[in-house]
Amino acid sequence: MNKIGSNANAAGHPVLFGFAPALTFVAHPDGGGYPIGFVEKAYATLNVRDPQRVLHLCSGSMRQGVRIDVRASMRPSVVADCRKTPFASESFRWIMADPPYAETYAEQLYDTKTRYPKPGEILTEAARLLIPGGRFGILHFLVPHARHGLRLVGVWGVSTGCGYAIRAWSVFEKPHASLPLDESEAE
């Protein structure tokens, strides 16, 4: 493990405890949606080969892929609650979510009233919708516990700069049925 500040990354920032600094992106101009430049990096962590086949839960400003949102005004592909979508189980290889980060955000910023989807509830629906080998990524202040047969692949810090709260991009994978979830299950 590196000592504090002993190494620097390519940008010249110190690497603390061997961890790389957060990924920094430009905030979306309307105050909602993924930060500008983030989606391409997110696709890489999900191994996306066809952006048009990505399911976006709480789609916000997305204009590609299959978009689910409770707000008809956002013109999603399907108006529905991301916790209970109309799709069959194991329908998607890639799923992304950028939900409101708190109940107050849902009510005051996005006018979705009491329809605040908690990260664990979104994870439950994503687990149902993913095919074996599929990946789900969620951008949120919280990192949900891996459950429902999913395993956590990685977590990246995402920032839009000074004065903004850092968020976590958490990526989960649904293992193939023949693969154990972890080493303890292999015994």
C-alpha atoms as a PDB file:
ATOM      1  CA  MET A   1       0.000   0.000   0.000  1.00  0.00           C
ATOM      2  CA  ASN A   2       1.289   3.468  -0.869  1.00  0.00           C
ATOM      3  CA  LYS A   3       1.958   6.060   1.793  1.00  0.00           C
ATOM      4  CA  ILE A   4      -0.255   9.136   1.742  1.00  0.00           C
ATOM      5  CA  GLY A   5       0.790  11.395  -1.103  1.00  0.00           C
ATOM      6  CA  SER A   6       3.773   9.255  -2.090  1.00  0.00           C
ATOM      7  CA  ASN A   7       2.680   8.690  -5.696  1.00  0.00           C
ATOM      8  CA  ALA A   8       0.928  10.891  -8.221  1.00  0.00           C
ATOM      9  CA  ASN A   9      -1.404   9.952 -11.023  1.00  0.00           C
ATOM     10  CA  ALA A  10      -1.137  11.290 -14.584  1.00  0.00           C
ATOM     11  CA  ALA A  11      -2.952  14.504 -13.618  1.00  0.00           C
ATOM     12  CA  GLY A  12      -0.444  15.195 -10.847  1.00  0.00           C
ATOM     13  CA  HIS A  13      -2.848  14.569  -7.973  1.00  0.00           C
ATOM     14  CA  PRO A  14      -1.544  12.530  -5.062  1.00  0.00           C
ATOM     15  CA  VAL A  15      -2.772   8.961  -4.833  1.00  0.00           C
ATOM     16  CA  LEU A  16      -3.960   8.418  -1.270  1.00  0.00           C
ATOM     17  CA  PHE A  17      -3.663   4.958   0.229  1.00  0.00           C
ATOM     18  CA  GLY A  18      -3.157   3.524  -3.262  1.00  0.00           C
ATOM     19  CA  PHE A  19      -6.587   4.694  -4.489  1.00  0.00           C
ATOM     20  CA  ALA A  20      -7.009   6.734  -7.644  1.00  0.00           C
ATOM     21  CA  PRO A  21      -8.822  10.087  -7.414  1.00  0.00           C
ATOM     22  CA  ALA A  22     -12.500  10.384  -8.334  1.00  0.00           C
ATOM     23  CA  LEU A  23     -13.463  10.649 -11.974  1.00  0.00           C
ATOM     24  CA  THR A  24     -14.372  14.286 -12.673  1.00  0.00           C
ATOM     25  CA  PHE A  25     -17.017  15.303 -15.214  1.00  0.00           C
ATOM     26  CA  VAL A  26     -18.941  18.433 -16.184  1.00  0.00           C
ATOM     27  CA  ALA A  27     -22.347  18.835 -14.530  1.00  0.00           C
ATOM     28  CA  HIS A  28     -25.363  18.414 -16.791  1.00  0.00           C
ATOM     29  CA  PRO A  29     -26.628  21.910 -17.734  1.00  0.00           C
ATOM     30  CA  ASP A  30     -30.247  21.382 -16.628  1.00  0.00           C
ATOM     31  CA  GLY A  31     -29.182  20.062 -13.219  1.00  0.00           C
ATOM     32  CA  GLY A  32     -30.435  16.557 -13.951  1.00  0.00           C
ATOM     33  CA  GLY A  33     -29.087  13.595 -15.827  1.00  0.00           C
ATOM     34  CA  TYR A  34     -25.668  12.014 -15.932  1.00  0.00           C
ATOM     35  CA  PRO A  35     -22.698  14.399 -15.883  1.00  0.00           C
ATOM     36  CA  ILE A  36     -21.461  15.309 -19.376  1.00  0.00           C
ATOM     37  CA  GLY A  37     -18.806  12.821 -20.506  1.00  0.00           C
ATOM     38  CA  PHE A  38     -19.795  10.214 -17.918  1.00  0.00           C
ATOM     39  CA  VAL A  39     -21.964   7.892 -20.006  1.00  0.00           C
ATOM     40  CA  GLU A  40     -19.121   6.702 -22.251  1.00  0.00           C
ATOM     41  CA  LYS A  41     -17.015   5.769 -19.196  1.00  0.00           C
ATOM     42  CA  ALA A  42     -20.034   4.076 -17.601  1.00  0.00           C
ATOM     43  CA  TYR A  43     -20.592   2.029 -20.765  1.00  0.00           C
ATOM     44  CA  ALA A  44     -16.988   0.819 -20.538  1.00  0.00           C
ATOM     45  CA  THR A  45     -17.516  -0.460 -16.953  1.00  0.00           C
ATOM     46  CA  LEU A  46     -20.637  -2.323 -18.113  1.00  0.00           C
ATOM     47  CA  ASN A  47     -18.947  -3.689 -21.265  1.00  0.00           C
ATOM     48  CA  VAL A  48     -21.696  -2.135 -23.417  1.00  0.00           C
ATOM     49  CA  ARG A  49     -21.386  -3.012 -27.088  1.00  0.00           C
ATOM     50  CA  ASP A  50     -24.673  -1.488 -28.294  1.00  0.00           C
ATOM     51  CA  PRO A  51     -25.851   1.696 -26.491  1.00  0.00           C
ATOM     52  CA  GLN A  52     -29.308   1.391 -28.082  1.00  0.00           C
ATOM     53  CA  ARG A  53     -29.912  -1.839 -26.118  1.00  0.00           C
ATOM     54  CA  VAL A  54     -29.154  -0.360 -22.675  1.00  0.00           C
ATOM     55  CA  LEU A  55     -32.124  -0.081 -20.306  1.00  0.00           C
ATOM     56  CA  HIS A  56     -32.081   3.272 -18.480  1.00  0.00           C
ATOM     57  CA  LEU A  57     -34.074   3.340 -15.239  1.00  0.00           C
ATOM     58  CA  CYS A  58     -35.023   6.866 -14.074  1.00  0.00           C
ATOM     59  CA  SER A  59     -33.949   7.969 -17.542  1.00  0.00           C
ATOM     60  CA  GLY A  60     -33.909  11.715 -16.979  1.00  0.00           C
ATOM     61  CA  SER A  61     -32.212  13.335 -19.934  1.00  0.00           C
ATOM     62  CA  MET A  62     -31.113  10.165 -21.786  1.00  0.00           C
ATOM     63  CA  ARG A  63     -32.071  10.087 -25.461  1.00  0.00           C
ATOM     64  CA  GLN A  64     -30.721   6.675 -26.454  1.00  0.00           C
ATOM     65  CA  GLY A  65     -31.518   3.140 -25.402  1.00  0.00           C
ATOM     66  CA  VAL A  66     -34.700   1.979 -23.688  1.00  0.00           C
ATOM     67  CA  ARG A  67     -35.741   4.681 -21.212  1.00  0.00           C
ATOM     68  CA  ILE A  68     -38.027   4.191 -18.193  1.00  0.00           C
ATOM     69  CA  ASP A  69     -39.272   7.154 -16.165  1.00  0.00           C
ATOM     70  CA  VAL A  70     -42.404   7.929 -14.106  1.00  0.00           C
ATOM     71  CA  ARG A  71     -42.500  11.415 -15.638  1.00  0.00           C
ATOM     72  CA  ALA A  72     -44.234  11.450 -19.027  1.00  0.00           C
ATOM     73  CA  SER A  73     -42.817  14.951 -19.541  1.00  0.00           C
ATOM     74  CA  MET A  74     -39.336  13.414 -19.951  1.00  0.00           C
ATOM     75  CA  ARG A  75     -40.605  11.506 -23.011  1.00  0.00           C
ATOM     76  CA  PRO A  76     -39.233   8.107 -21.974  1.00  0.00           C
ATOM     77  CA  SER A  77     -39.694   4.966 -24.085  1.00  0.00           C
ATOM     78  CA  VAL A  78     -42.037   3.676 -21.360  1.00  0.00           C
ATOM     79  CA  VAL A  79     -43.728   5.614 -18.559  1.00  0.00           C
ATOM     80  CA  ALA A  80     -43.380   3.316 -15.555  1.00  0.00           C
ATOM     81  CA  ASP A  81     -41.975   3.046 -12.048  1.00  0.00           C
ATOM     82  CA  CYS A  82     -38.400   1.723 -12.222  1.00  0.00           C
ATOM     83  CA  ARG A  83     -39.192  -0.652  -9.353  1.00  0.00           C
ATOM     84  CA  LYS A  84     -41.817  -2.498 -11.385  1.00  0.00           C
ATOM     85  CA  THR A  85     -41.176  -2.379 -15.116  1.00  0.00           C
ATOM     86  CA  PRO A  86     -43.353  -4.089 -17.749  1.00  0.00           C
ATOM     87  CA  PHE A  87     -40.471  -6.192 -19.118  1.00  0.00           C
ATOM     88  CA  ALA A  88     -40.022  -9.950 -18.826  1.00  0.00           C
ATOM     89  CA  SER A  89     -37.376 -11.359 -16.491  1.00  0.00           C
ATOM     90  CA  GLU A  90     -33.884 -11.693 -17.978  1.00  0.00           C
ATOM     91  CA  SER A  91     -34.596  -9.241 -20.825  1.00  0.00           C
ATOM     92  CA  PHE A  92     -31.497  -6.984 -20.712  1.00  0.00           C
ATOM     93  CA  ARG A  93     -27.713  -7.353 -20.806  1.00  0.00           C
ATOM     94  CA  TRP A  94     -27.037  -3.777 -19.651  1.00  0.00           C
ATOM     95  CA  ILE A  95     -28.975  -1.554 -17.238  1.00  0.00           C
ATOM     96  CA  MET A  96     -28.121   1.900 -15.888  1.00  0.00           C
ATOM     97  CA  ALA A  97     -29.868   4.027 -13.251  1.00  0.00           C
ATOM     98  CA  ASP A  98     -29.493   7.635 -12.107  1.00  0.00           C
ATOM     99  CA  PRO A  99     -32.392   7.982  -9.647  1.00  0.00           C
ATOM    100  CA  PRO A 100     -33.153  10.899  -7.338  1.00  0.00           C
ATOM    101  CA  TYR A 101     -30.607  10.699  -4.519  1.00  0.00           C
ATOM    102  CA  ALA A 102     -33.074  11.324  -1.689  1.00  0.00           C
ATOM    103  CA  GLU A 103     -36.802  11.493  -1.027  1.00  0.00           C
ATOM    104  CA  THR A 104     -36.630  15.295  -0.910  1.00  0.00           C
ATOM    105  CA  TYR A 105     -34.934  15.334  -4.344  1.00  0.00           C
ATOM    106  CA  ALA A 106     -37.758  13.195  -5.752  1.00  0.00           C
ATOM    107  CA  GLU A 107     -40.399  15.472  -4.318  1.00  0.00           C
ATOM    108  CA  GLN A 108     -38.871  18.937  -4.725  1.00  0.00           C
ATOM    109  CA  LEU A 109     -36.542  18.679  -7.736  1.00  0.00           C
ATOM    110  CA  TYR A 110     -38.190  16.056  -9.920  1.00  0.00           C
ATOM    111  CA  ASP A 111     -41.837  16.385  -8.853  1.00  0.00           C
ATOM    112  CA  THR A 112     -42.237  12.635  -8.482  1.00  0.00           C
ATOM    113  CA  LYS A 113     -43.993  13.082  -5.130  1.00  0.00           C
ATOM    114  CA  THR A 114     -43.767   9.975  -2.930  1.00  0.00           C
ATOM    115  CA  ARG A 115     -42.421   7.754  -5.716  1.00  0.00           C
ATOM    116  CA  TYR A 116     -38.815   7.797  -4.475  1.00  0.00           C
ATOM    117  CA  PRO A 117     -37.077   4.574  -5.526  1.00  0.00           C
ATOM    118  CA  LYS A 118     -34.551   3.463  -2.925  1.00  0.00           C
ATOM    119  CA  PRO A 119     -31.293   2.050  -4.356  1.00  0.00           C
ATOM    120  CA  GLY A 120     -32.039  -1.440  -2.999  1.00  0.00           C
ATOM    121  CA  GLU A 121     -35.457  -1.451  -4.680  1.00  0.00           C
ATOM    122  CA  ILE A 122     -33.878  -0.501  -8.002  1.00  0.00           C
ATOM    123  CA  LEU A 123     -31.281  -3.241  -7.525  1.00  0.00           C
ATOM    124  CA  THR A 124     -34.080  -5.779  -6.951  1.00  0.00           C
ATOM    125  CA  GLU A 125     -35.740  -4.911 -10.273  1.00  0.00           C
ATOM    126  CA  ALA A 126     -32.395  -4.820 -12.107  1.00  0.00           C
ATOM    127  CA  ALA A 127     -31.566  -8.306 -10.788  1.00  0.00           C
ATOM    128  CA  ARG A 128     -34.850  -9.590 -12.200  1.00  0.00           C
ATOM    129  CA  LEU A 129     -34.302  -7.947 -15.587  1.00  0.00           C
ATOM    130  CA  LEU A 130     -30.635  -8.883 -16.145  1.00  0.00           C
ATOM    131  CA  ILE A 131     -29.630 -11.901 -18.199  1.00  0.00           C
ATOM    132  CA  PRO A 132     -26.858 -14.090 -16.730  1.00  0.00           C
ATOM    133  CA  GLY A 133     -23.590 -12.275 -17.401  1.00  0.00           C
ATOM    134  CA  GLY A 134     -25.432  -8.920 -17.605  1.00  0.00           C
ATOM    135  CA  ARG A 135     -24.361  -5.799 -15.731  1.00  0.00           C
ATOM    136  CA  PHE A 136     -26.176  -3.041 -13.832  1.00  0.00           C
ATOM    137  CA  GLY A 137     -24.698   0.341 -12.873  1.00  0.00           C
ATOM    138  CA  ILE A 138     -26.221   2.890 -10.504  1.00  0.00           C
ATOM    139  CA  LEU A 139     -25.058   6.454  -9.855  1.00  0.00           C
ATOM    140  CA  HIS A 140     -26.009   7.436  -6.301  1.00  0.00           C
ATOM    141  CA  PHE A 141     -24.687   8.726  -2.983  1.00  0.00           C
ATOM    142  CA  LEU A 142     -25.187   5.214  -1.569  1.00  0.00           C
ATOM    143  CA  VAL A 143     -23.654   1.914  -2.648  1.00  0.00           C
ATOM    144  CA  PRO A 144     -26.410  -0.723  -2.418  1.00  0.00           C
ATOM    145  CA  HIS A 145     -25.651  -4.093  -0.833  1.00  0.00           C
ATOM    146  CA  ALA A 146     -25.160  -6.844  -3.404  1.00  0.00           C
ATOM    147  CA  ARG A 147     -28.173  -9.145  -3.226  1.00  0.00           C
ATOM    148  CA  HIS A 148     -30.641 -11.101  -5.323  1.00  0.00           C
ATOM    149  CA  GLY A 149     -27.875 -13.131  -6.937  1.00  0.00           C
ATOM    150  CA  LEU A 150     -25.829 -10.113  -8.032  1.00  0.00           C
ATOM    151  CA  ARG A 151     -22.164  -9.547  -7.224  1.00  0.00           C
ATOM    152  CA  LEU A 152     -20.492  -6.154  -6.866  1.00  0.00           C
ATOM    153  CA  VAL A 153     -17.918  -5.667  -9.645  1.00  0.00           C
ATOM    154  CA  GLY A 154     -16.604  -2.258  -8.606  1.00  0.00           C
ATOM    155  CA  VAL A 155     -17.308   1.221  -7.271  1.00  0.00           C
ATOM    156  CA  TRP A 156     -15.908   4.446  -8.732  1.00  0.00           C
ATOM    157  CA  GLY A 157     -16.108   7.924  -7.232  1.00  0.00           C
ATOM    158  CA  VAL A 158     -17.724  10.465  -9.570  1.00  0.00           C
ATOM    159  CA  SER A 159     -17.463  14.227  -9.056  1.00  0.00           C
ATOM    160  CA  THR A 160     -18.483  17.321 -10.975  1.00  0.00           C
ATOM    161  CA  GLY A 161     -15.944  19.409  -9.057  1.00  0.00           C
ATOM    162  CA  CYS A 162     -15.477  21.437  -5.910  1.00  0.00           C
ATOM    163  CA  GLY A 163     -18.629  22.235  -4.004  1.00  0.00           C
ATOM    164  CA  TYR A 164     -20.537  19.209  -5.316  1.00  0.00           C
ATOM    165  CA  ALA A 165     -21.128  16.009  -3.388  1.00  0.00           C
ATOM    166  CA  ILE A 166     -19.243  13.011  -4.718  1.00  0.00           C
ATOM    167  CA  ARG A 167     -21.359  10.119  -5.972  1.00  0.00           C
ATOM    168  CA  ALA A 168     -20.607   6.455  -6.405  1.00  0.00           C
ATOM    169  CA  TRP A 169     -20.906   4.590  -9.710  1.00  0.00           C
ATOM    170  CA  SER A 170     -21.589   1.044  -8.469  1.00  0.00           C
ATOM    171  CA  VAL A 171     -21.514  -1.820 -10.971  1.00  0.00           C
ATOM    172  CA  PHE A 172     -23.101  -5.221 -10.305  1.00  0.00           C
ATOM    173  CA  GLU A 173     -23.105  -8.385 -12.388  1.00  0.00           C
ATOM    174  CA  LYS A 174     -25.493 -11.312 -12.563  1.00  0.00           C
ATOM    175  CA  PRO A 175     -23.264 -14.405 -12.673  1.00  0.00           C
ATOM    176  CA  HIS A 176     -23.963 -17.269 -15.033  1.00  0.00           C
ATOM    177  CA  ALA A 177     -25.853 -20.072 -13.251  1.00  0.00           C
ATOM    178  CA  SER A 178     -22.826 -22.376 -13.465  1.00  0.00           C
ATOM    179  CA  LEU A 179     -20.551 -19.896 -11.667  1.00  0.00           C
ATOM    180  CA  PRO A 180     -20.519 -19.524  -7.868  1.00  0.00           C
ATOM    181  CA  LEU A 181     -21.236 -16.060  -6.433  1.00  0.00           C
ATOM    182  CA  ASP A 182     -18.144 -16.143  -4.256  1.00  0.00           C
ATOM    183  CA  GLU A 183     -15.470 -18.518  -2.993  1.00  0.00           C
ATOM    184  CA  SER A 184     -17.505 -19.617   0.041  1.00  0.00           C
ATOM    185  CA  GLU A 185     -20.204 -21.011  -2.278  1.00  0.00           C
ATOM    186  CA  ALA A 186     -17.641 -22.997  -4.277  1.00  0.00           C
ATOM    187  CA  GLU A 187     -16.942 -25.358  -1.375  1.00  0.00           C
END
